[in-house]
ModelCIF file with pLDDT and N, C-alpha, C, O atoms, coordinates in Angstrom:
data_MODEL
#
_entry.id   MODEL 
#
_entity.id                         1 
_entity.type                       polymer 
_entity.pdbx_number_of_molecules   1 
#
_entity_poly.entity_id                      1 
_entity_poly.type                           'polypeptide(L)' 
_entity_poly.nstd_linkage                   no 
_entity_poly.nstd_monomer                   no 
_entity_poly.pdbx_seq_one_letter_code       
;(UNK)(UNK)(UNK)(UNK)(UNK)(UNK)(UNK)(UNK)(UNK)(UNK)(UNK)(UNK)(UNK)(UNK)(UNK)(UNK)
(UNK)(UNK)(UNK)(UNK)(UNK)(UNK)(UNK)(UNK)(UNK)(UNK)(UNK)(UNK)(UNK)(UNK)(UNK)(UNK)
(UNK)(UNK)
;
_entity_poly.pdbx_seq_one_letter_code_can   XXXXXXXXXXXXXXXXXXXXXXXXXXXXXXXXXX 
_entity_poly.pdbx_strand_id                 A 
#
loop_
_entity_poly_seq.entity_id 
_entity_poly_seq.num 
_entity_poly_seq.mon_id 
_entity_poly_seq.hetero 
1 1  UNK n 
1 2  UNK n 
1 3  UNK n 
1 4  UNK n 
1 5  UNK n 
1 6  UNK n 
1 7  UNK n 
1 8  UNK n 
1 9  UNK n 
1 10 UNK n 
1 11 UNK n 
1 12 UNK n 
1 13 UNK n 
1 14 UNK n 
1 15 UNK n 
1 16 UNK n 
1 17 UNK n 
1 18 UNK n 
1 19 UNK n 
1 20 UNK n 
1 21 UNK n 
1 22 UNK n 
1 23 UNK n 
1 24 UNK n 
1 25 UNK n 
1 26 UNK n 
1 27 UNK n 
1 28 UNK n 
1 29 UNK n 
1 30 UNK n 
1 31 UNK n 
1 32 UNK n 
1 33 UNK n 
1 34 UNK n 
#
_struct_asym.id          A 
_struct_asym.entity_id   1 
#
loop_
_ma_qa_metric.id 
_ma_qa_metric.mode 
_ma_qa_metric.name 
_ma_qa_metric.software_group_id 
_ma_qa_metric.type 
1 global pLDDT . pLDDT 
2 local  pLDDT . pLDDT 
#
_ma_qa_metric_global.metric_id      1 
_ma_qa_metric_global.metric_value   94.71 
_ma_qa_metric_global.model_id       1 
_ma_qa_metric_global.ordinal_id     1 
#
loop_
_ma_qa_metric_local.label_asym_id 
_ma_qa_metric_local.label_comp_id 
_ma_qa_metric_local.label_seq_id 
_ma_qa_metric_local.metric_id 
_ma_qa_metric_local.metric_value 
_ma_qa_metric_local.model_id 
_ma_qa_metric_local.ordinal_id 
A UNK 1  2 94.00 1 1  
A UNK 2  2 92.00 1 2  
A UNK 3  2 93.00 1 3  
A UNK 4  2 95.00 1 4  
A UNK 5  2 95.00 1 5  
A UNK 6  2 95.00 1 6  
A UNK 7  2 96.00 1 7  
A UNK 8  2 96.00 1 8  
A UNK 9  2 95.00 1 9  
A UNK 10 2 96.00 1 10 
A UNK 11 2 95.00 1 11 
A UNK 12 2 95.00 1 12 
A UNK 13 2 95.00 1 13 
A UNK 14 2 95.00 1 14 
A UNK 15 2 95.00 1 15 
A UNK 16 2 93.00 1 16 
A UNK 17 2 93.00 1 17 
A UNK 18 2 93.00 1 18 
A UNK 19 2 95.00 1 19 
A UNK 20 2 95.00 1 20 
A UNK 21 2 93.00 1 21 
A UNK 22 2 96.00 1 22 
A UNK 23 2 96.00 1 23 
A UNK 24 2 95.00 1 24 
A UNK 25 2 94.00 1 25 
A UNK 26 2 94.00 1 26 
A UNK 27 2 93.00 1 27 
A UNK 28 2 94.00 1 28 
A UNK 29 2 95.00 1 29 
A UNK 30 2 96.00 1 30 
A UNK 31 2 96.00 1 31 
A UNK 32 2 97.00 1 32 
A UNK 33 2 96.00 1 33 
A UNK 34 2 94.00 1 34 
#
loop_
_atom_site.group_PDB 
_atom_site.id 
_atom_site.type_symbol 
_atom_site.label_atom_id 
_atom_site.label_alt_id 
_atom_site.label_comp_id 
_atom_site.label_asym_id 
_atom_site.label_entity_id 
_atom_site.label_seq_id 
_atom_site.pdbx_PDB_ins_code 
_atom_site.Cartn_x 
_atom_site.Cartn_y 
_atom_site.Cartn_z 
_atom_site.occupancy 
_atom_site.B_iso_or_equiv 
_atom_site.pdbx_formal_charge 
_atom_site.auth_seq_id 
_atom_site.auth_comp_id 
_atom_site.auth_asym_id 
_atom_site.auth_atom_id 
_atom_site.pdbx_PDB_model_num 
ATOM 1   N N  . UNK A 1 1  ? 14.999  -0.863  9.698  1.00 94.00 ? 1  UNK A N  1 
ATOM 2   C CA . UNK A 1 1  ? 15.248  -0.679  8.265  1.00 94.00 ? 1  UNK A CA 1 
ATOM 3   C C  . UNK A 1 1  ? 13.939  -0.789  7.479  1.00 94.00 ? 1  UNK A C  1 
ATOM 4   O O  . UNK A 1 1  ? 13.705  -0.013  6.552  1.00 94.00 ? 1  UNK A O  1 
ATOM 5   N N  . UNK A 1 2  ? 13.088  -1.749  7.847  1.00 92.00 ? 2  UNK A N  1 
ATOM 6   C CA . UNK A 1 2  ? 11.800  -1.896  7.173  1.00 92.00 ? 2  UNK A CA 1 
ATOM 7   C C  . UNK A 1 2  ? 10.957  -0.646  7.347  1.00 92.00 ? 2  UNK A C  1 
ATOM 8   O O  . UNK A 1 2  ? 10.380  -0.150  6.379  1.00 92.00 ? 2  UNK A O  1 
ATOM 9   N N  . UNK A 1 3  ? 10.879  -0.128  8.564  1.00 93.00 ? 3  UNK A N  1 
ATOM 10  C CA . UNK A 1 3  ? 10.097  1.088   8.806  1.00 93.00 ? 3  UNK A CA 1 
ATOM 11  C C  . UNK A 1 3  ? 10.650  2.260   8.005  1.00 93.00 ? 3  UNK A C  1 
ATOM 12  O O  . UNK A 1 3  ? 9.883   3.023   7.417  1.00 93.00 ? 3  UNK A O  1 
ATOM 13  N N  . UNK A 1 4  ? 11.963  2.410   7.976  1.00 95.00 ? 4  UNK A N  1 
ATOM 14  C CA . UNK A 1 4  ? 12.564  3.504   7.205  1.00 95.00 ? 4  UNK A CA 1 
ATOM 15  C C  . UNK A 1 4  ? 12.232  3.376   5.723  1.00 95.00 ? 4  UNK A C  1 
ATOM 16  O O  . UNK A 1 4  ? 11.913  4.369   5.068  1.00 95.00 ? 4  UNK A O  1 
ATOM 17  N N  . UNK A 1 5  ? 12.306  2.169   5.199  1.00 95.00 ? 5  UNK A N  1 
ATOM 18  C CA . UNK A 1 5  ? 11.995  1.961   3.782  1.00 95.00 ? 5  UNK A CA 1 
ATOM 19  C C  . UNK A 1 5  ? 10.509  2.199   3.514  1.00 95.00 ? 5  UNK A C  1 
ATOM 20  O O  . UNK A 1 5  ? 10.147  2.716   2.457  1.00 95.00 ? 5  UNK A O  1 
ATOM 21  N N  . UNK A 1 6  ? 9.650   1.827   4.458  1.00 95.00 ? 6  UNK A N  1 
ATOM 22  C CA . UNK A 1 6  ? 8.220   2.110   4.307  1.00 95.00 ? 6  UNK A CA 1 
ATOM 23  C C  . UNK A 1 6  ? 7.989   3.614   4.309  1.00 95.00 ? 6  UNK A C  1 
ATOM 24  O O  . UNK A 1 6  ? 7.247   4.133   3.474  1.00 95.00 ? 6  UNK A O  1 
ATOM 25  N N  . UNK A 1 7  ? 8.620   4.314   5.244  1.00 96.00 ? 7  UNK A N  1 
ATOM 26  C CA . UNK A 1 7  ? 8.468   5.769   5.341  1.00 96.00 ? 7  UNK A CA 1 
ATOM 27  C C  . UNK A 1 7  ? 8.951   6.476   4.075  1.00 96.00 ? 7  UNK A C  1 
ATOM 28  O O  . UNK A 1 7  ? 8.429   7.531   3.715  1.00 96.00 ? 7  UNK A O  1 
ATOM 29  N N  . UNK A 1 8  ? 9.942   5.898   3.404  1.00 96.00 ? 8  UNK A N  1 
ATOM 30  C CA . UNK A 1 8  ? 10.485  6.480   2.176  1.00 96.00 ? 8  UNK A CA 1 
ATOM 31  C C  . UNK A 1 8  ? 9.743   6.024   0.927  1.00 96.00 ? 8  UNK A C  1 
ATOM 32  O O  . UNK A 1 8  ? 10.109  6.404   -0.185 1.00 96.00 ? 8  UNK A O  1 
ATOM 33  N N  . UNK A 1 9  ? 8.709   5.216   1.100  1.00 95.00 ? 9  UNK A N  1 
ATOM 34  C CA . UNK A 1 9  ? 7.932   4.733   -0.042 1.00 95.00 ? 9  UNK A CA 1 
ATOM 35  C C  . UNK A 1 9  ? 8.639   3.675   -0.866 1.00 95.00 ? 9  UNK A C  1 
ATOM 36  O O  . UNK A 1 9  ? 8.287   3.444   -2.023 1.00 95.00 ? 9  UNK A O  1 
ATOM 37  N N  . UNK A 1 10 ? 9.638   3.030   -0.275 1.00 96.00 ? 10 UNK A N  1 
ATOM 38  C CA . UNK A 1 10 ? 10.400  2.008   -0.988 1.00 96.00 ? 10 UNK A CA 1 
ATOM 39  C C  . UNK A 1 10 ? 9.813   0.611   -0.819 1.00 96.00 ? 10 UNK A C  1 
ATOM 40  O O  . UNK A 1 10 ? 10.117  -0.292  -1.598 1.00 96.00 ? 10 UNK A O  1 
ATOM 41  N N  . UNK A 1 11 ? 8.967   0.433   0.206  1.00 95.00 ? 11 UNK A N  1 
ATOM 42  C CA . UNK A 1 11 ? 8.423   -0.890  0.537  1.00 95.00 ? 11 UNK A CA 1 
ATOM 43  C C  . UNK A 1 11 ? 6.963   -0.766  0.931  1.00 95.00 ? 11 UNK A C  1 
ATOM 44  O O  . UNK A 1 11 ? 6.570   0.156   1.647  1.00 95.00 ? 11 UNK A O  1 
ATOM 45  N N  . UNK A 1 12 ? 6.160   -1.720  0.446  1.00 95.00 ? 12 UNK A N  1 
ATOM 46  C CA . UNK A 1 12 ? 4.790   -1.897  0.919  1.00 95.00 ? 12 UNK A CA 1 
ATOM 47  C C  . UNK A 1 12 ? 4.789   -3.104  1.845  1.00 95.00 ? 12 UNK A C  1 
ATOM 48  O O  . UNK A 1 12 ? 5.342   -4.150  1.507  1.00 95.00 ? 12 UNK A O  1 
ATOM 49  N N  . UNK A 1 13 ? 4.176   -2.962  3.000  1.00 95.00 ? 13 UNK A N  1 
ATOM 50  C CA . UNK A 1 13 ? 4.069   -4.065  3.940  1.00 95.00 ? 13 UNK A CA 1 
ATOM 51  C C  . UNK A 1 13 ? 2.672   -4.655  3.814  1.00 95.00 ? 13 UNK A C  1 
ATOM 52  O O  . UNK A 1 13 ? 1.681   -3.968  4.064  1.00 95.00 ? 13 UNK A O  1 
ATOM 53  N N  . UNK A 1 14 ? 2.590   -5.920  3.430  1.00 95.00 ? 14 UNK A N  1 
ATOM 54  C CA . UNK A 1 14 ? 1.314   -6.580  3.191  1.00 95.00 ? 14 UNK A CA 1 
ATOM 55  C C  . UNK A 1 14 ? 1.023   -7.579  4.302  1.00 95.00 ? 14 UNK A C  1 
ATOM 56  O O  . UNK A 1 14 ? 1.824   -8.472  4.576  1.00 95.00 ? 14 UNK A O  1 
ATOM 57  N N  . UNK A 1 15 ? -0.115  -7.418  4.927  1.00 95.00 ? 15 UNK A N  1 
ATOM 58  C CA . UNK A 1 15 ? -0.597  -8.361  5.937  1.00 95.00 ? 15 UNK A CA 1 
ATOM 59  C C  . UNK A 1 15 ? -1.529  -9.322  5.211  1.00 95.00 ? 15 UNK A C  1 
ATOM 60  O O  . UNK A 1 15 ? -2.624  -8.935  4.805  1.00 95.00 ? 15 UNK A O  1 
ATOM 61  N N  . UNK A 1 16 ? -1.107  -10.568 5.045  1.00 93.00 ? 16 UNK A N  1 
ATOM 62  C CA . UNK A 1 16 ? -1.882  -11.532 4.267  1.00 93.00 ? 16 UNK A CA 1 
ATOM 63  C C  . UNK A 1 16 ? -2.732  -12.452 5.148  1.00 93.00 ? 16 UNK A C  1 
ATOM 64  O O  . UNK A 1 16 ? -3.238  -13.471 4.680  1.00 93.00 ? 16 UNK A O  1 
ATOM 65  N N  . UNK A 1 17 ? -2.883  -12.096 6.403  1.00 93.00 ? 17 UNK A N  1 
ATOM 66  C CA . UNK A 1 17 ? -3.752  -12.851 7.301  1.00 93.00 ? 17 UNK A CA 1 
ATOM 67  C C  . UNK A 1 17 ? -5.205  -12.525 6.988  1.00 93.00 ? 17 UNK A C  1 
ATOM 68  O O  . UNK A 1 17 ? -5.481  -11.575 6.255  1.00 93.00 ? 17 UNK A O  1 
ATOM 69  N N  . UNK A 1 18 ? -6.138  -13.301 7.536  1.00 93.00 ? 18 UNK A N  1 
ATOM 70  C CA . UNK A 1 18 ? -7.557  -12.965 7.356  1.00 93.00 ? 18 UNK A CA 1 
ATOM 71  C C  . UNK A 1 18 ? -7.848  -11.546 7.857  1.00 93.00 ? 18 UNK A C  1 
ATOM 72  O O  . UNK A 1 18 ? -7.219  -11.078 8.805  1.00 93.00 ? 18 UNK A O  1 
ATOM 73  N N  . UNK A 1 19 ? -8.796  -10.873 7.219  1.00 95.00 ? 19 UNK A N  1 
ATOM 74  C CA . UNK A 1 19 ? -9.123  -9.484  7.548  1.00 95.00 ? 19 UNK A CA 1 
ATOM 75  C C  . UNK A 1 19 ? -9.472  -9.308  9.028  1.00 95.00 ? 19 UNK A C  1 
ATOM 76  O O  . UNK A 1 19 ? -9.134  -8.289  9.629  1.00 95.00 ? 19 UNK A O  1 
ATOM 77  N N  . UNK A 1 20 ? -10.140 -10.288 9.605  1.00 95.00 ? 20 UNK A N  1 
ATOM 78  C CA . UNK A 1 20 ? -10.523 -10.201 11.024 1.00 95.00 ? 20 UNK A CA 1 
ATOM 79  C C  . UNK A 1 20 ? -9.291  -10.069 11.916 1.00 95.00 ? 20 UNK A C  1 
ATOM 80  O O  . UNK A 1 20 ? -9.302  -9.320  12.893 1.00 95.00 ? 20 UNK A O  1 
ATOM 81  N N  . UNK A 1 21 ? -8.251  -10.787 11.581 1.00 93.00 ? 21 UNK A N  1 
ATOM 82  C CA . UNK A 1 21 ? -7.020  -10.697 12.366 1.00 93.00 ? 21 UNK A CA 1 
ATOM 83  C C  . UNK A 1 21 ? -6.338  -9.350  12.158 1.00 93.00 ? 21 UNK A C  1 
ATOM 84  O O  . UNK A 1 21 ? -5.813  -8.764  13.104 1.00 93.00 ? 21 UNK A O  1 
ATOM 85  N N  . UNK A 1 22 ? -6.345  -8.861  10.923 1.00 96.00 ? 22 UNK A N  1 
ATOM 86  C CA . UNK A 1 22 ? -5.795  -7.533  10.636 1.00 96.00 ? 22 UNK A CA 1 
ATOM 87  C C  . UNK A 1 22 ? -6.556  -6.477  11.439 1.00 96.00 ? 22 UNK A C  1 
ATOM 88  O O  . UNK A 1 22 ? -5.947  -5.602  12.055 1.00 96.00 ? 22 UNK A O  1 
ATOM 89  N N  . UNK A 1 23 ? -7.886  -6.562  11.429 1.00 96.00 ? 23 UNK A N  1 
ATOM 90  C CA . UNK A 1 23 ? -8.706  -5.583  12.148 1.00 96.00 ? 23 UNK A CA 1 
ATOM 91  C C  . UNK A 1 23 ? -8.437  -5.621  13.650 1.00 96.00 ? 23 UNK A C  1 
ATOM 92  O O  . UNK A 1 23 ? -8.510  -4.595  14.328 1.00 96.00 ? 23 UNK A O  1 
ATOM 93  N N  . UNK A 1 24 ? -8.130  -6.795  14.158 1.00 95.00 ? 24 UNK A N  1 
ATOM 94  C CA . UNK A 1 24 ? -7.867  -6.943  15.589 1.00 95.00 ? 24 UNK A CA 1 
ATOM 95  C C  . UNK A 1 24 ? -6.534  -6.299  15.974 1.00 95.00 ? 24 UNK A C  1 
ATOM 96  O O  . UNK A 1 24 ? -6.438  -5.612  16.991 1.00 95.00 ? 24 UNK A O  1 
ATOM 97  N N  . UNK A 1 25 ? -5.514  -6.528  15.156 1.00 94.00 ? 25 UNK A N  1 
ATOM 98  C CA . UNK A 1 25 ? -4.198  -5.947  15.418 1.00 94.00 ? 25 UNK A CA 1 
ATOM 99  C C  . UNK A 1 25 ? -3.307  -6.185  14.198 1.00 94.00 ? 25 UNK A C  1 
ATOM 100 O O  . UNK A 1 25 ? -3.361  -7.247  13.578 1.00 94.00 ? 25 UNK A O  1 
ATOM 101 N N  . UNK A 1 26 ? -2.498  -5.201  13.865 1.00 94.00 ? 26 UNK A N  1 
ATOM 102 C CA . UNK A 1 26 ? -1.569  -5.326  12.750 1.00 94.00 ? 26 UNK A CA 1 
ATOM 103 C C  . UNK A 1 26 ? -0.389  -4.383  12.941 1.00 94.00 ? 26 UNK A C  1 
ATOM 104 O O  . UNK A 1 26 ? -0.426  -3.482  13.779 1.00 94.00 ? 26 UNK A O  1 
ATOM 105 N N  . UNK A 1 27 ? 0.638   -4.599  12.165 1.00 93.00 ? 27 UNK A N  1 
ATOM 106 C CA . UNK A 1 27 ? 1.803   -3.720  12.198 1.00 93.00 ? 27 UNK A CA 1 
ATOM 107 C C  . UNK A 1 27 ? 1.401   -2.385  11.577 1.00 93.00 ? 27 UNK A C  1 
ATOM 108 O O  . UNK A 1 27 ? 0.849   -2.367  10.476 1.00 93.00 ? 27 UNK A O  1 
ATOM 109 N N  . UNK A 1 28 ? 1.663   -1.270  12.253 1.00 94.00 ? 28 UNK A N  1 
ATOM 110 C CA . UNK A 1 28 ? 1.304   0.033   11.697 1.00 94.00 ? 28 UNK A CA 1 
ATOM 111 C C  . UNK A 1 28 ? 1.885   0.228   10.292 1.00 94.00 ? 28 UNK A C  1 
ATOM 112 O O  . UNK A 1 28 ? 3.062   -0.038  10.049 1.00 94.00 ? 28 UNK A O  1 
ATOM 113 N N  . UNK A 1 29 ? 1.041   0.693   9.385  1.00 95.00 ? 29 UNK A N  1 
ATOM 114 C CA . UNK A 1 29 ? 1.448   0.938   8.009  1.00 95.00 ? 29 UNK A CA 1 
ATOM 115 C C  . UNK A 1 29 ? 1.196   -0.230  7.076  1.00 95.00 ? 29 UNK A C  1 
ATOM 116 O O  . UNK A 1 29 ? 1.337   -0.097  5.860  1.00 95.00 ? 29 UNK A O  1 
ATOM 117 N N  . UNK A 1 30 ? 0.822   -1.383  7.636  1.00 96.00 ? 30 UNK A N  1 
ATOM 118 C CA . UNK A 1 30 ? 0.572   -2.555  6.801  1.00 96.00 ? 30 UNK A CA 1 
ATOM 119 C C  . UNK A 1 30 ? -0.751  -2.408  6.051  1.00 96.00 ? 30 UNK A C  1 
ATOM 120 O O  . UNK A 1 30 ? -1.684  -1.753  6.515  1.00 96.00 ? 30 UNK A O  1 
ATOM 121 N N  . UNK A 1 31 ? -0.801  -3.033  4.886  1.00 96.00 ? 31 UNK A N  1 
ATOM 122 C CA . UNK A 1 31 ? -2.009  -3.054  4.065  1.00 96.00 ? 31 UNK A CA 1 
ATOM 123 C C  . UNK A 1 31 ? -2.586  -4.462  4.153  1.00 96.00 ? 31 UNK A C  1 
ATOM 124 O O  . UNK A 1 31 ? -1.859  -5.445  4.005  1.00 96.00 ? 31 UNK A O  1 
ATOM 125 N N  . UNK A 1 32 ? -3.879  -4.560  4.392  1.00 97.00 ? 32 UNK A N  1 
ATOM 126 C CA . UNK A 1 32 ? -4.526  -5.871  4.478  1.00 97.00 ? 32 UNK A CA 1 
ATOM 127 C C  . UNK A 1 32 ? -4.901  -6.372  3.092  1.00 97.00 ? 32 UNK A C  1 
ATOM 128 O O  . UNK A 1 32 ? -5.705  -5.765  2.385  1.00 97.00 ? 32 UNK A O  1 
ATOM 129 N N  . UNK A 1 33 ? -4.296  -7.496  2.723  1.00 96.00 ? 33 UNK A N  1 
ATOM 130 C CA . UNK A 1 33 ? -4.690  -8.224  1.513  1.00 96.00 ? 33 UNK A CA 1 
ATOM 131 C C  . UNK A 1 33 ? -4.665  -9.706  1.895  1.00 96.00 ? 33 UNK A C  1 
ATOM 132 O O  . UNK A 1 33 ? -3.617  -10.348 1.825  1.00 96.00 ? 33 UNK A O  1 
ATOM 133 N N  . UNK A 1 34 ? -5.815  -10.247 2.296  1.00 94.00 ? 34 UNK A N  1 
ATOM 134 C CA . UNK A 1 34 ? -5.845  -11.665 2.670  1.00 94.00 ? 34 UNK A CA 1 
ATOM 135 C C  . UNK A 1 34 ? -5.272  -12.545 1.558  1.00 94.00 ? 34 UNK A C  1 
ATOM 136 O O  . UNK A 1 34 ? -5.220  -13.766 1.702  1.00 94.00 ? 34 UNK A O  1 
#
């Protein structure tokens, strides 16, 4: 459901971990904002 809502532009997925962790691996489509 989250992926479908992201694909439809209904949800932004925010990765709030440190940028280094985002760069190492993250959920596809997530935006890095520490």
